[in-house]
N, C-alpha and C. Protein backbone atom coordinates (compact mmCIF):
# COMPACT_ATOMS: atom_id res chain seq x y z
N MET A 1 -33.06 -31.32 -46.07
CA MET A 1 -33.98 -32.34 -45.60
C MET A 1 -34.12 -32.21 -44.09
N LYS A 2 -35.34 -32.34 -43.62
CA LYS A 2 -35.62 -32.35 -42.18
C LYS A 2 -35.57 -33.79 -41.67
N LEU A 3 -35.13 -33.94 -40.43
CA LEU A 3 -35.05 -35.25 -39.79
C LEU A 3 -35.63 -35.15 -38.40
N ALA A 4 -36.31 -36.21 -37.98
CA ALA A 4 -36.78 -36.32 -36.60
C ALA A 4 -36.21 -37.61 -36.03
N VAL A 5 -35.78 -37.54 -34.78
CA VAL A 5 -35.24 -38.70 -34.09
C VAL A 5 -35.94 -38.84 -32.75
N GLU A 6 -36.49 -40.02 -32.50
CA GLU A 6 -37.03 -40.33 -31.18
C GLU A 6 -35.95 -41.11 -30.44
N ILE A 7 -35.52 -40.59 -29.29
CA ILE A 7 -34.40 -41.15 -28.55
C ILE A 7 -34.84 -41.58 -27.16
N SER A 8 -34.45 -42.79 -26.79
CA SER A 8 -34.56 -43.23 -25.40
C SER A 8 -33.15 -43.58 -24.94
N LEU A 9 -32.74 -43.04 -23.81
CA LEU A 9 -31.41 -43.25 -23.27
C LEU A 9 -31.53 -44.06 -21.98
N TYR A 10 -30.76 -45.14 -21.92
CA TYR A 10 -30.75 -46.01 -20.74
C TYR A 10 -29.31 -46.09 -20.22
N PRO A 11 -28.92 -45.18 -19.32
CA PRO A 11 -27.58 -45.25 -18.74
C PRO A 11 -27.47 -46.48 -17.84
N LEU A 12 -26.39 -47.20 -17.97
CA LEU A 12 -26.17 -48.37 -17.13
C LEU A 12 -25.38 -47.93 -15.90
N ASN A 13 -26.09 -47.20 -15.04
CA ASN A 13 -25.50 -46.60 -13.86
C ASN A 13 -26.62 -46.34 -12.86
N GLU A 14 -26.35 -46.52 -11.57
CA GLU A 14 -27.37 -46.30 -10.55
C GLU A 14 -27.85 -44.86 -10.51
N ASP A 15 -26.98 -43.92 -10.87
CA ASP A 15 -27.32 -42.50 -10.85
C ASP A 15 -27.73 -42.05 -12.26
N TYR A 16 -28.63 -42.81 -12.87
CA TYR A 16 -28.97 -42.64 -14.29
C TYR A 16 -29.65 -41.32 -14.62
N VAL A 17 -30.42 -40.74 -13.69
CA VAL A 17 -31.21 -39.55 -13.99
C VAL A 17 -30.31 -38.38 -14.39
N LYS A 18 -29.20 -38.19 -13.72
CA LYS A 18 -28.33 -37.04 -14.03
C LYS A 18 -27.77 -37.14 -15.44
N TYR A 19 -27.50 -38.36 -15.92
CA TYR A 19 -26.96 -38.53 -17.27
C TYR A 19 -28.02 -38.27 -18.34
N ILE A 20 -29.24 -38.70 -18.08
CA ILE A 20 -30.34 -38.44 -19.01
C ILE A 20 -30.59 -36.94 -19.07
N LYS A 21 -30.66 -36.30 -17.90
CA LYS A 21 -30.90 -34.86 -17.85
C LYS A 21 -29.79 -34.09 -18.56
N ALA A 22 -28.55 -34.48 -18.35
CA ALA A 22 -27.42 -33.78 -18.99
C ALA A 22 -27.51 -33.90 -20.51
N PHE A 23 -27.86 -35.07 -21.02
CA PHE A 23 -27.98 -35.28 -22.46
C PHE A 23 -29.09 -34.39 -23.03
N ILE A 24 -30.25 -34.39 -22.38
CA ILE A 24 -31.37 -33.58 -22.85
C ILE A 24 -31.05 -32.09 -22.74
N ASP A 25 -30.41 -31.68 -21.67
CA ASP A 25 -30.03 -30.27 -21.50
C ASP A 25 -29.11 -29.80 -22.62
N ARG A 26 -28.15 -30.65 -23.00
CA ARG A 26 -27.24 -30.27 -24.10
C ARG A 26 -28.00 -30.13 -25.41
N LEU A 27 -28.96 -31.02 -25.66
CA LEU A 27 -29.76 -30.91 -26.88
C LEU A 27 -30.57 -29.62 -26.87
N ASN A 28 -31.13 -29.27 -25.72
CA ASN A 28 -31.94 -28.05 -25.60
C ASN A 28 -31.14 -26.77 -25.79
N GLU A 29 -29.83 -26.82 -25.60
CA GLU A 29 -28.99 -25.63 -25.79
C GLU A 29 -28.85 -25.26 -27.26
N ASP A 30 -29.10 -26.21 -28.15
CA ASP A 30 -28.93 -25.98 -29.59
C ASP A 30 -30.22 -25.36 -30.15
N LYS A 31 -30.18 -24.08 -30.46
CA LYS A 31 -31.37 -23.36 -30.93
C LYS A 31 -31.80 -23.77 -32.34
N ALA A 32 -30.97 -24.52 -33.06
CA ALA A 32 -31.34 -25.00 -34.39
C ALA A 32 -32.17 -26.27 -34.34
N LEU A 33 -32.36 -26.82 -33.13
CA LEU A 33 -33.12 -28.06 -32.97
C LEU A 33 -34.41 -27.81 -32.20
N PHE A 34 -35.43 -28.58 -32.53
CA PHE A 34 -36.67 -28.60 -31.76
C PHE A 34 -36.62 -29.85 -30.90
N VAL A 35 -36.78 -29.69 -29.58
CA VAL A 35 -36.66 -30.80 -28.65
C VAL A 35 -37.95 -30.91 -27.84
N SER A 36 -38.53 -32.10 -27.82
CA SER A 36 -39.75 -32.36 -27.06
C SER A 36 -39.54 -33.63 -26.23
N THR A 37 -39.61 -33.48 -24.91
CA THR A 37 -39.31 -34.59 -24.01
C THR A 37 -40.58 -35.10 -23.33
N SER A 38 -40.71 -36.43 -23.28
CA SER A 38 -41.80 -37.07 -22.54
C SER A 38 -41.18 -37.95 -21.45
N HIS A 39 -41.99 -38.76 -20.80
CA HIS A 39 -41.49 -39.61 -19.71
C HIS A 39 -40.54 -40.70 -20.19
N THR A 40 -40.71 -41.15 -21.43
CA THR A 40 -39.92 -42.30 -21.89
C THR A 40 -38.98 -42.01 -23.05
N SER A 41 -39.14 -40.87 -23.70
CA SER A 41 -38.27 -40.57 -24.84
C SER A 41 -38.24 -39.07 -25.10
N THR A 42 -37.33 -38.71 -25.99
CA THR A 42 -37.20 -37.33 -26.43
C THR A 42 -37.21 -37.32 -27.95
N ILE A 43 -38.00 -36.43 -28.53
CA ILE A 43 -38.01 -36.27 -29.98
C ILE A 43 -37.24 -35.01 -30.31
N VAL A 44 -36.28 -35.17 -31.21
CA VAL A 44 -35.45 -34.05 -31.65
C VAL A 44 -35.60 -33.93 -33.15
N SER A 45 -35.82 -32.72 -33.64
CA SER A 45 -35.94 -32.52 -35.09
C SER A 45 -35.13 -31.31 -35.51
N GLY A 46 -34.73 -31.35 -36.77
CA GLY A 46 -33.96 -30.26 -37.34
C GLY A 46 -33.44 -30.66 -38.70
N GLU A 47 -32.54 -29.84 -39.23
CA GLU A 47 -31.94 -30.15 -40.52
C GLU A 47 -31.09 -31.42 -40.40
N TYR A 48 -31.19 -32.28 -41.40
CA TYR A 48 -30.59 -33.61 -41.37
C TYR A 48 -29.11 -33.58 -40.96
N ASP A 49 -28.27 -32.88 -41.70
CA ASP A 49 -26.83 -32.90 -41.43
C ASP A 49 -26.51 -32.38 -40.04
N HIS A 50 -27.16 -31.32 -39.64
CA HIS A 50 -26.90 -30.74 -38.32
C HIS A 50 -27.33 -31.71 -37.21
N LEU A 51 -28.49 -32.32 -37.35
CA LEU A 51 -28.99 -33.22 -36.33
C LEU A 51 -28.12 -34.48 -36.23
N ILE A 52 -27.72 -35.04 -37.36
CA ILE A 52 -26.85 -36.23 -37.33
C ILE A 52 -25.52 -35.90 -36.66
N GLU A 53 -24.94 -34.75 -36.98
CA GLU A 53 -23.67 -34.35 -36.36
C GLU A 53 -23.85 -34.11 -34.86
N THR A 54 -24.94 -33.47 -34.48
CA THR A 54 -25.22 -33.23 -33.07
C THR A 54 -25.38 -34.55 -32.32
N MET A 55 -26.11 -35.49 -32.90
CA MET A 55 -26.28 -36.80 -32.27
C MET A 55 -24.93 -37.50 -32.10
N ARG A 56 -24.09 -37.44 -33.11
CA ARG A 56 -22.76 -38.07 -33.02
C ARG A 56 -21.97 -37.50 -31.85
N ILE A 57 -21.95 -36.18 -31.75
CA ILE A 57 -21.18 -35.50 -30.70
C ILE A 57 -21.76 -35.80 -29.32
N GLU A 58 -23.08 -35.67 -29.18
CA GLU A 58 -23.70 -35.82 -27.86
C GLU A 58 -23.73 -37.26 -27.37
N MET A 59 -23.89 -38.21 -28.28
CA MET A 59 -23.82 -39.61 -27.87
C MET A 59 -22.41 -39.94 -27.39
N LYS A 60 -21.39 -39.45 -28.10
CA LYS A 60 -20.01 -39.70 -27.69
C LYS A 60 -19.73 -39.09 -26.32
N LYS A 61 -20.22 -37.85 -26.08
CA LYS A 61 -20.04 -37.23 -24.76
C LYS A 61 -20.65 -38.09 -23.68
N THR A 62 -21.85 -38.61 -23.94
CA THR A 62 -22.52 -39.45 -22.95
C THR A 62 -21.71 -40.72 -22.67
N PHE A 63 -21.23 -41.37 -23.72
CA PHE A 63 -20.41 -42.57 -23.53
C PHE A 63 -19.11 -42.24 -22.78
N ASP A 64 -18.49 -41.10 -23.11
CA ASP A 64 -17.26 -40.70 -22.43
C ASP A 64 -17.50 -40.44 -20.94
N GLU A 65 -18.62 -39.79 -20.61
CA GLU A 65 -18.95 -39.47 -19.22
C GLU A 65 -19.37 -40.70 -18.43
N LEU A 66 -20.09 -41.59 -19.08
CA LEU A 66 -20.79 -42.67 -18.39
C LEU A 66 -20.11 -44.02 -18.53
N GLY A 67 -19.54 -44.27 -19.65
CA GLY A 67 -18.96 -45.59 -19.91
C GLY A 67 -19.94 -46.46 -20.68
N GLN A 68 -20.98 -46.95 -20.01
CA GLN A 68 -21.95 -47.84 -20.64
C GLN A 68 -23.34 -47.20 -20.64
N ALA A 69 -23.96 -47.23 -21.80
CA ALA A 69 -25.33 -46.71 -21.94
C ALA A 69 -25.93 -47.33 -23.18
N ILE A 70 -27.24 -47.35 -23.21
CA ILE A 70 -27.97 -47.84 -24.38
C ILE A 70 -28.77 -46.67 -24.94
N PHE A 71 -28.61 -46.42 -26.23
CA PHE A 71 -29.43 -45.45 -26.94
C PHE A 71 -30.34 -46.24 -27.88
N VAL A 72 -31.63 -45.99 -27.78
CA VAL A 72 -32.60 -46.56 -28.72
C VAL A 72 -33.13 -45.37 -29.52
N CYS A 73 -32.89 -45.39 -30.84
CA CYS A 73 -33.24 -44.25 -31.69
C CYS A 73 -34.06 -44.71 -32.88
N LYS A 74 -35.08 -43.91 -33.19
CA LYS A 74 -35.87 -44.10 -34.41
C LYS A 74 -35.72 -42.84 -35.24
N PHE A 75 -35.31 -42.99 -36.49
CA PHE A 75 -35.08 -41.87 -37.39
C PHE A 75 -36.21 -41.80 -38.41
N LEU A 76 -36.71 -40.59 -38.66
CA LEU A 76 -37.82 -40.38 -39.57
C LEU A 76 -37.56 -39.17 -40.46
N ASN A 77 -37.71 -39.35 -41.78
CA ASN A 77 -37.65 -38.23 -42.69
C ASN A 77 -38.83 -37.32 -42.34
N ALA A 78 -38.56 -36.11 -41.94
CA ALA A 78 -39.61 -35.23 -41.42
C ALA A 78 -39.91 -34.07 -42.36
N ASN A 79 -39.57 -34.19 -43.64
CA ASN A 79 -39.81 -33.10 -44.58
C ASN A 79 -41.26 -32.66 -44.63
N ASN A 80 -42.19 -33.58 -44.54
CA ASN A 80 -43.60 -33.25 -44.66
C ASN A 80 -44.33 -33.21 -43.32
N MET A 81 -43.57 -32.99 -42.25
CA MET A 81 -44.18 -32.97 -40.91
C MET A 81 -43.97 -31.61 -40.26
N ASP A 82 -44.94 -31.19 -39.48
CA ASP A 82 -44.81 -29.98 -38.69
C ASP A 82 -44.53 -30.41 -37.25
N LEU A 83 -43.26 -30.30 -36.85
CA LEU A 83 -42.86 -30.77 -35.50
C LEU A 83 -42.61 -29.62 -34.56
N SER A 84 -42.87 -28.40 -34.96
CA SER A 84 -42.60 -27.26 -34.09
C SER A 84 -43.77 -26.97 -33.18
C-alpha cells in the first residue's frame, strides 16, 4: 500500500529554521521516498510500512534534538494517486 503524508513542523525554538531544514534533509536522503516541499508543508509518499517507520524515527530525532515541537500530519491512502 502507498501512503502520502502532509507534514507541517513547528519547532518551539527561536532558531526554528535549522530544525525544519534538518528534518526535511533527512527525509530527502531516503531514496525510497518521494519528498515535495512547499512554504508551509512537506508531502512525503512511499510504501506504507517504510514511511510509517521513517516518520517514527525522524520525529523522535527531532524531539530528541529540539525538546519541544509540534508536528501536524495528514495521512492519505495514496494507492490510486500519482505523486511522483
